[in-house]
Structures are given as structure tokens and as C-alpha cells.
Amino acid sequence: MQKNTTKYPNLKQIEHFVWRQLQETFSVVMKKLLEDLDQQIAQEKTETDFWINGKPI
């Protein structure tokens, strides 16, 4: 007779897996958000937006 050898993850392993997935998802979302903001800022900037010592350059 064979024994059922199915092994299920314990709570600590599940927690670790979920935490890693959340970190990866957050990393992707944050990267996209920052890239979009950077692109928006670059499009809105004009040459007169740059100042040195209180004078436009």
C-alpha cells in the first residue's frame, strides 16, 4: 500500500511566497509610475523653466 506523500506548504512558507509576490508587483507598479511621472515632467518643462541664481537661462 502506498502512502499519500502530498506535501502542503506551511503558513510560514505561504506568508513568504505572498510577501515576495507583493514585493515584485509593487516594484513593477512603482517603476511604471515613476517612469510615467518622469515623462510627464519632461514634456511640461520648457527652456524658461530653468533658472540659475534667480535668473532664467
C-alpha atoms as a PDB file:
ATOM      1  CA  MET A   1       0.000   0.000   0.000  1.00  0.00           C
ATOM      2  CA  GLN A   2       1.317   3.451  -0.913  1.00  0.00           C
ATOM      3  CA  LYS A   3       1.239   6.399   1.406  1.00  0.00           C
ATOM      4  CA  ASN A   4      -0.078   9.732   0.259  1.00  0.00           C
ATOM      5  CA  THR A   5       3.060  11.874   0.119  1.00  0.00           C
ATOM      6  CA  THR A   6       1.484  15.146  -0.923  1.00  0.00           C
ATOM      7  CA  LYS A   7       3.261  17.867   0.973  1.00  0.00           C
ATOM      8  CA  TYR A   8       1.500  21.174   1.556  1.00  0.00           C
ATOM      9  CA  PRO A   9       3.291  24.401   2.435  1.00  0.00           C
ATOM     10  CA  ASN A  10       3.060  25.558   5.996  1.00  0.00           C
ATOM     11  CA  LEU A  11       1.834  29.007   6.972  1.00  0.00           C
ATOM     12  CA  LYS A  12       5.358  30.469   7.103  1.00  0.00           C
ATOM     13  CA  GLN A  13       6.072  29.301   3.564  1.00  0.00           C
ATOM     14  CA  ILE A  14       2.774  30.707   2.293  1.00  0.00           C
ATOM     15  CA  GLU A  15       3.477  34.022   4.013  1.00  0.00           C
ATOM     16  CA  HIS A  16       6.950  34.164   2.454  1.00  0.00           C
ATOM     17  CA  PHE A  17       5.562  33.385  -1.017  1.00  0.00           C
ATOM     18  CA  VAL A  18       2.833  36.046  -0.750  1.00  0.00           C
ATOM     19  CA  TRP A  19       5.318  38.633   0.562  1.00  0.00           C
ATOM     20  CA  ARG A  20       7.692  38.012  -2.372  1.00  0.00           C
ATOM     21  CA  GLN A  21       4.843  38.284  -4.877  1.00  0.00           C
ATOM     22  CA  LEU A  22       3.720  41.569  -3.321  1.00  0.00           C
ATOM     23  CA  GLN A  23       7.255  42.949  -3.472  1.00  0.00           C
ATOM     24  CA  GLU A  24       7.613  42.028  -7.134  1.00  0.00           C
ATOM     25  CA  THR A  25       4.224  43.514  -8.010  1.00  0.00           C
ATOM     26  CA  PHE A  26       4.952  46.718  -6.071  1.00  0.00           C
ATOM     27  CA  SER A  27       8.314  47.011  -7.816  1.00  0.00           C
ATOM     28  CA  VAL A  28       6.735  46.775 -11.277  1.00  0.00           C
ATOM     29  CA  VAL A  29       3.959  49.245 -10.423  1.00  0.00           C
ATOM     30  CA  MET A  30       6.341  51.753  -8.800  1.00  0.00           C
ATOM     31  CA  LYS A  31       8.752  51.580 -11.749  1.00  0.00           C
ATOM     32  CA  LYS A  32       5.929  52.279 -14.218  1.00  0.00           C
ATOM     33  CA  LEU A  33       4.574  55.129 -12.083  1.00  0.00           C
ATOM     34  CA  LEU A  34       7.966  56.827 -11.780  1.00  0.00           C
ATOM     35  CA  GLU A  35       8.679  56.443 -15.496  1.00  0.00           C
ATOM     36  CA  ASP A  36       5.302  57.988 -16.352  1.00  0.00           C
ATOM     37  CA  LEU A  37       5.874  60.890 -13.946  1.00  0.00           C
ATOM     38  CA  ASP A  38       9.356  61.470 -15.358  1.00  0.00           C
ATOM     39  CA  GLN A  39       7.970  61.545 -18.888  1.00  0.00           C
ATOM     40  CA  GLN A  40       5.185  63.948 -17.870  1.00  0.00           C
ATOM     41  CA  ILE A  41       7.662  66.299 -16.160  1.00  0.00           C
ATOM     42  CA  ALA A  42       9.961  66.225 -19.197  1.00  0.00           C
ATOM     43  CA  GLN A  43       7.086  67.125 -21.534  1.00  0.00           C
ATOM     44  CA  GLU A  44       5.931  70.029 -19.348  1.00  0.00           C
ATOM     45  CA  LYS A  45       9.363  71.599 -18.951  1.00  0.00           C
ATOM     46  CA  THR A  46      10.342  74.450 -21.239  1.00  0.00           C
ATOM     47  CA  GLU A  47      13.619  76.266 -21.589  1.00  0.00           C
ATOM     48  CA  THR A  48      12.337  79.135 -19.436  1.00  0.00           C
ATOM     49  CA  ASP A  49      11.715  76.721 -16.561  1.00  0.00           C
ATOM     50  CA  PHE A  50      15.436  76.527 -15.852  1.00  0.00           C
ATOM     51  CA  TRP A  51      16.850  79.175 -13.527  1.00  0.00           C
ATOM     52  CA  ILE A  52      20.301  79.831 -12.116  1.00  0.00           C
ATOM     53  CA  ASN A  53      20.694  82.300  -9.248  1.00  0.00           C
ATOM     54  CA  GLY A  54      17.165  83.604  -9.756  1.00  0.00           C
ATOM     55  CA  LYS A  55      17.616  84.292 -13.482  1.00  0.00           C
ATOM     56  CA  PRO A  56      16.277  82.242 -16.377  1.00  0.00           C
ATOM     57  CA  ILE A  57      18.916  80.628 -18.539  1.00  0.00           C
END
